[in-house]
Amino acid sequence: MNIIELDNQKKDLMTAGFAQLDDSLLERRPPKINWGGIYKQKGAVEKIKYLENLASTMNHAAHLIQGERNQLVALCELKEGQISQLKKAMDQNMLMLQTEVTKINEERQLYNAHITELGAKIKELSA
């Protein structure tokens, strides 16, 4: 079967209601179903109908799971963006705090120097 036939077959399956699964999520050898005695006693037509319903149910479940996964991916991207914005805001706050602490320390050093000068002048005037 060539690529065009495969592509057309996928389109036919999609229009028939099958949702295409992500190939990276599929297992090469999935576990086999352990069919019970009731299934084995059914006729071929009943088995086919049952398997068609089972396939539809499984396809729908896989489609729902993929939809939820896509929503979670979008939510994770949103949260990553929010975390990035919060990190930027925290970095700016930290820089502002460091700048303010540095200014306060410089002012204290100036006040201490001024107090030392005033103390020296008081000693000079009282002597």
C-alpha atoms as a PDB file:
ATOM      1  CA  MET A   1       0.000   0.000   0.000  1.00  0.00           C
ATOM      2  CA  ASN A   2       1.500   3.361  -0.969  1.00  0.00           C
ATOM      3  CA  ILE A   3       1.469   6.631   0.973  1.00  0.00           C
ATOM      4  CA  ILE A   4      -1.483   8.107  -0.924  1.00  0.00           C
ATOM      5  CA  GLU A   5      -3.644   5.044  -0.234  1.00  0.00           C
ATOM      6  CA  LEU A   6      -2.698   5.158   3.455  1.00  0.00           C
ATOM      7  CA  ASP A   7      -3.533   8.864   3.627  1.00  0.00           C
ATOM      8  CA  ASN A   8      -6.895   8.301   1.910  1.00  0.00           C
ATOM      9  CA  GLN A   9      -7.618   5.431   4.272  1.00  0.00           C
ATOM     10  CA  LYS A  10      -6.927   7.701   7.277  1.00  0.00           C
ATOM     11  CA  LYS A  11      -9.280  10.340   5.849  1.00  0.00           C
ATOM     12  CA  ASP A  12     -11.977   7.685   5.334  1.00  0.00           C
ATOM     13  CA  LEU A  13     -11.598   6.547   8.925  1.00  0.00           C
ATOM     14  CA  MET A  14     -11.739  10.133  10.204  1.00  0.00           C
ATOM     15  CA  THR A  15     -14.940  10.848   8.274  1.00  0.00           C
ATOM     16  CA  ALA A  16     -16.413   7.614   9.647  1.00  0.00           C
ATOM     17  CA  GLY A  17     -16.014   8.994  13.178  1.00  0.00           C
ATOM     18  CA  PHE A  18     -12.628   7.606  14.145  1.00  0.00           C
ATOM     19  CA  ALA A  19     -10.297  10.024  15.931  1.00  0.00           C
ATOM     20  CA  GLN A  20      -6.646   9.573  15.016  1.00  0.00           C
ATOM     21  CA  LEU A  21      -4.446   8.688  17.954  1.00  0.00           C
ATOM     22  CA  ASP A  22      -1.000  10.132  18.509  1.00  0.00           C
ATOM     23  CA  ASP A  23       1.477   7.489  17.308  1.00  0.00           C
ATOM     24  CA  SER A  24       3.940   8.251  20.095  1.00  0.00           C
ATOM     25  CA  LEU A  25       1.350   7.165  22.682  1.00  0.00           C
ATOM     26  CA  LEU A  26       0.586   3.787  21.121  1.00  0.00           C
ATOM     27  CA  GLU A  27       2.219   0.593  22.305  1.00  0.00           C
ATOM     28  CA  ARG A  28       3.694  -1.783  19.773  1.00  0.00           C
ATOM     29  CA  ARG A  29       2.354  -4.851  21.597  1.00  0.00           C
ATOM     30  CA  PRO A  30      -0.699  -3.983  23.701  1.00  0.00           C
ATOM     31  CA  PRO A  31      -1.953  -6.642  26.133  1.00  0.00           C
ATOM     32  CA  LYS A  32      -4.391  -9.137  24.655  1.00  0.00           C
ATOM     33  CA  ILE A  33      -8.024  -9.250  25.747  1.00  0.00           C
ATOM     34  CA  ASN A  34      -9.002 -12.304  27.754  1.00  0.00           C
ATOM     35  CA  TRP A  35     -12.362 -13.124  26.162  1.00  0.00           C
ATOM     36  CA  GLY A  36     -14.864 -14.863  28.409  1.00  0.00           C
ATOM     37  CA  GLY A  37     -17.066 -17.820  27.706  1.00  0.00           C
ATOM     38  CA  ILE A  38     -20.144 -15.693  26.964  1.00  0.00           C
ATOM     39  CA  TYR A  39     -18.328 -13.923  24.119  1.00  0.00           C
ATOM     40  CA  LYS A  40     -17.017 -17.180  22.695  1.00  0.00           C
ATOM     41  CA  GLN A  41     -20.545 -18.664  22.625  1.00  0.00           C
ATOM     42  CA  LYS A  42     -21.944 -15.804  20.527  1.00  0.00           C
ATOM     43  CA  GLY A  43     -22.359 -16.056  16.784  1.00  0.00           C
ATOM     44  CA  ALA A  44     -20.190 -14.231  14.252  1.00  0.00           C
ATOM     45  CA  VAL A  45     -22.743 -11.440  13.644  1.00  0.00           C
ATOM     46  CA  GLU A  46     -23.155 -10.784  17.375  1.00  0.00           C
ATOM     47  CA  LYS A  47     -19.373 -10.788  17.831  1.00  0.00           C
ATOM     48  CA  ILE A  48     -18.914  -8.309  14.991  1.00  0.00           C
ATOM     49  CA  LYS A  49     -21.602  -6.006  16.374  1.00  0.00           C
ATOM     50  CA  TYR A  50     -20.105  -6.269  19.872  1.00  0.00           C
ATOM     51  CA  LEU A  51     -16.581  -5.545  18.571  1.00  0.00           C
ATOM     52  CA  GLU A  52     -17.827  -2.569  16.536  1.00  0.00           C
ATOM     53  CA  ASN A  53     -19.468  -1.125  19.653  1.00  0.00           C
ATOM     54  CA  LEU A  54     -16.344  -1.842  21.692  1.00  0.00           C
ATOM     55  CA  ALA A  55     -14.140  -0.157  19.088  1.00  0.00           C
ATOM     56  CA  SER A  56     -16.441   2.881  19.012  1.00  0.00           C
ATOM     57  CA  THR A  57     -16.390   3.118  22.796  1.00  0.00           C
ATOM     58  CA  MET A  58     -12.613   2.793  22.961  1.00  0.00           C
ATOM     59  CA  ASN A  59     -12.154   5.342  20.182  1.00  0.00           C
ATOM     60  CA  HIS A  60     -14.440   7.784  21.970  1.00  0.00           C
ATOM     61  CA  ALA A  61     -12.586   7.239  25.250  1.00  0.00           C
ATOM     62  CA  ALA A  62      -9.242   7.826  23.530  1.00  0.00           C
ATOM     63  CA  HIS A  63     -10.634  10.981  21.915  1.00  0.00           C
ATOM     64  CA  LEU A  64     -11.823  12.283  25.297  1.00  0.00           C
ATOM     65  CA  ILE A  65      -8.436  11.531  26.871  1.00  0.00           C
ATOM     66  CA  GLN A  66      -6.626  13.349  24.070  1.00  0.00           C
ATOM     67  CA  GLY A  67      -8.956  16.335  24.499  1.00  0.00           C
ATOM     68  CA  GLU A  68      -8.242  16.423  28.223  1.00  0.00           C
ATOM     69  CA  ARG A  69      -4.521  16.102  27.543  1.00  0.00           C
ATOM     70  CA  ASN A  70      -4.668  19.027  25.133  1.00  0.00           C
ATOM     71  CA  GLN A  71      -6.528  21.114  27.711  1.00  0.00           C
ATOM     72  CA  LEU A  72      -3.925  20.223  30.335  1.00  0.00           C
ATOM     73  CA  VAL A  73      -1.110  21.146  27.957  1.00  0.00           C
ATOM     74  CA  ALA A  74      -2.726  24.549  27.400  1.00  0.00           C
ATOM     75  CA  LEU A  75      -3.194  24.972  31.157  1.00  0.00           C
ATOM     76  CA  CYS A  76       0.449  24.022  31.802  1.00  0.00           C
ATOM     77  CA  GLU A  77       1.613  26.564  29.221  1.00  0.00           C
ATOM     78  CA  LEU A  78      -0.545  29.217  30.887  1.00  0.00           C
ATOM     79  CA  LYS A  79       0.849  28.342  34.326  1.00  0.00           C
ATOM     80  CA  GLU A  80       4.418  28.397  32.988  1.00  0.00           C
ATOM     81  CA  GLY A  81       3.760  31.888  31.630  1.00  0.00           C
ATOM     82  CA  GLN A  82       2.351  32.994  34.970  1.00  0.00           C
ATOM     83  CA  ILE A  83       5.337  31.549  36.813  1.00  0.00           C
ATOM     84  CA  SER A  84       7.679  33.348  34.431  1.00  0.00           C
ATOM     85  CA  GLN A  85       5.864  36.649  35.038  1.00  0.00           C
ATOM     86  CA  LEU A  86       5.966  36.066  38.807  1.00  0.00           C
ATOM     87  CA  LYS A  87       9.692  35.357  38.627  1.00  0.00           C
ATOM     88  CA  LYS A  88      10.259  38.622  36.751  1.00  0.00           C
ATOM     89  CA  ALA A  89       8.193  40.503  39.346  1.00  0.00           C
ATOM     90  CA  MET A  90      10.099  38.856  42.205  1.00  0.00           C
ATOM     91  CA  ASP A  91      13.430  39.701  40.567  1.00  0.00           C
ATOM     92  CA  GLN A  92      12.343  43.332  40.232  1.00  0.00           C
ATOM     93  CA  ASN A  93      11.205  43.396  43.876  1.00  0.00           C
ATOM     94  CA  MET A  94      14.490  41.854  44.998  1.00  0.00           C
ATOM     95  CA  LEU A  95      16.453  44.435  43.019  1.00  0.00           C
ATOM     96  CA  MET A  96      14.360  47.260  44.496  1.00  0.00           C
ATOM     97  CA  LEU A  97      14.826  45.877  48.020  1.00  0.00           C
ATOM     98  CA  GLN A  98      18.573  45.545  47.530  1.00  0.00           C
ATOM     99  CA  THR A  99      18.732  49.106  46.220  1.00  0.00           C
ATOM    100  CA  GLU A 100      16.736  50.421  49.184  1.00  0.00           C
ATOM    101  CA  VAL A 101      18.839  48.500  51.716  1.00  0.00           C
ATOM    102  CA  THR A 102      22.007  49.832  50.078  1.00  0.00           C
ATOM    103  CA  LYS A 103      20.652  53.399  50.272  1.00  0.00           C
ATOM    104  CA  ILE A 104      19.660  52.950  53.923  1.00  0.00           C
ATOM    105  CA  ASN A 105      23.109  51.559  54.752  1.00  0.00           C
ATOM    106  CA  GLU A 106      24.794  54.505  53.018  1.00  0.00           C
ATOM    107  CA  GLU A 107      22.576  56.945  54.935  1.00  0.00           C
ATOM    108  CA  ARG A 108      23.421  55.197  58.223  1.00  0.00           C
ATOM    109  CA  GLN A 109      27.112  55.415  57.431  1.00  0.00           C
ATOM    110  CA  LEU A 110      26.721  59.131  56.686  1.00  0.00           C
ATOM    111  CA  TYR A 111      24.748  59.644  59.928  1.00  0.00           C
ATOM    112  CA  ASN A 112      27.361  57.715  61.901  1.00  0.00           C
ATOM    113  CA  ALA A 113      30.130  59.793  60.344  1.00  0.00           C
ATOM    114  CA  HIS A 114      28.197  62.980  61.131  1.00  0.00           C
ATOM    115  CA  ILE A 115      27.577  61.820  64.715  1.00  0.00           C
ATOM    116  CA  THR A 116      31.290  61.107  65.087  1.00  0.00           C
ATOM    117  CA  GLU A 117      32.083  64.627  63.790  1.00  0.00           C
ATOM    118  CA  LEU A 118      29.539  66.189  66.161  1.00  0.00           C
ATOM    119  CA  GLY A 119      30.945  64.153  69.067  1.00  0.00           C
ATOM    120  CA  ALA A 120      34.433  65.406  68.208  1.00  0.00           C
ATOM    121  CA  LYS A 121      33.153  69.032  68.066  1.00  0.00           C
ATOM    122  CA  ILE A 122      31.410  68.639  71.447  1.00  0.00           C
ATOM    123  CA  LYS A 123      34.646  67.359  72.975  1.00  0.00           C
ATOM    124  CA  GLU A 124      36.523  70.240  71.378  1.00  0.00           C
ATOM    125  CA  LEU A 125      34.030  72.843  72.641  1.00  0.00           C
ATOM    126  CA  SER A 126      33.858  71.401  76.148  1.00  0.00           C
ATOM    127  CA  ALA A 127      37.624  71.271  76.542  1.00  0.00           C
END
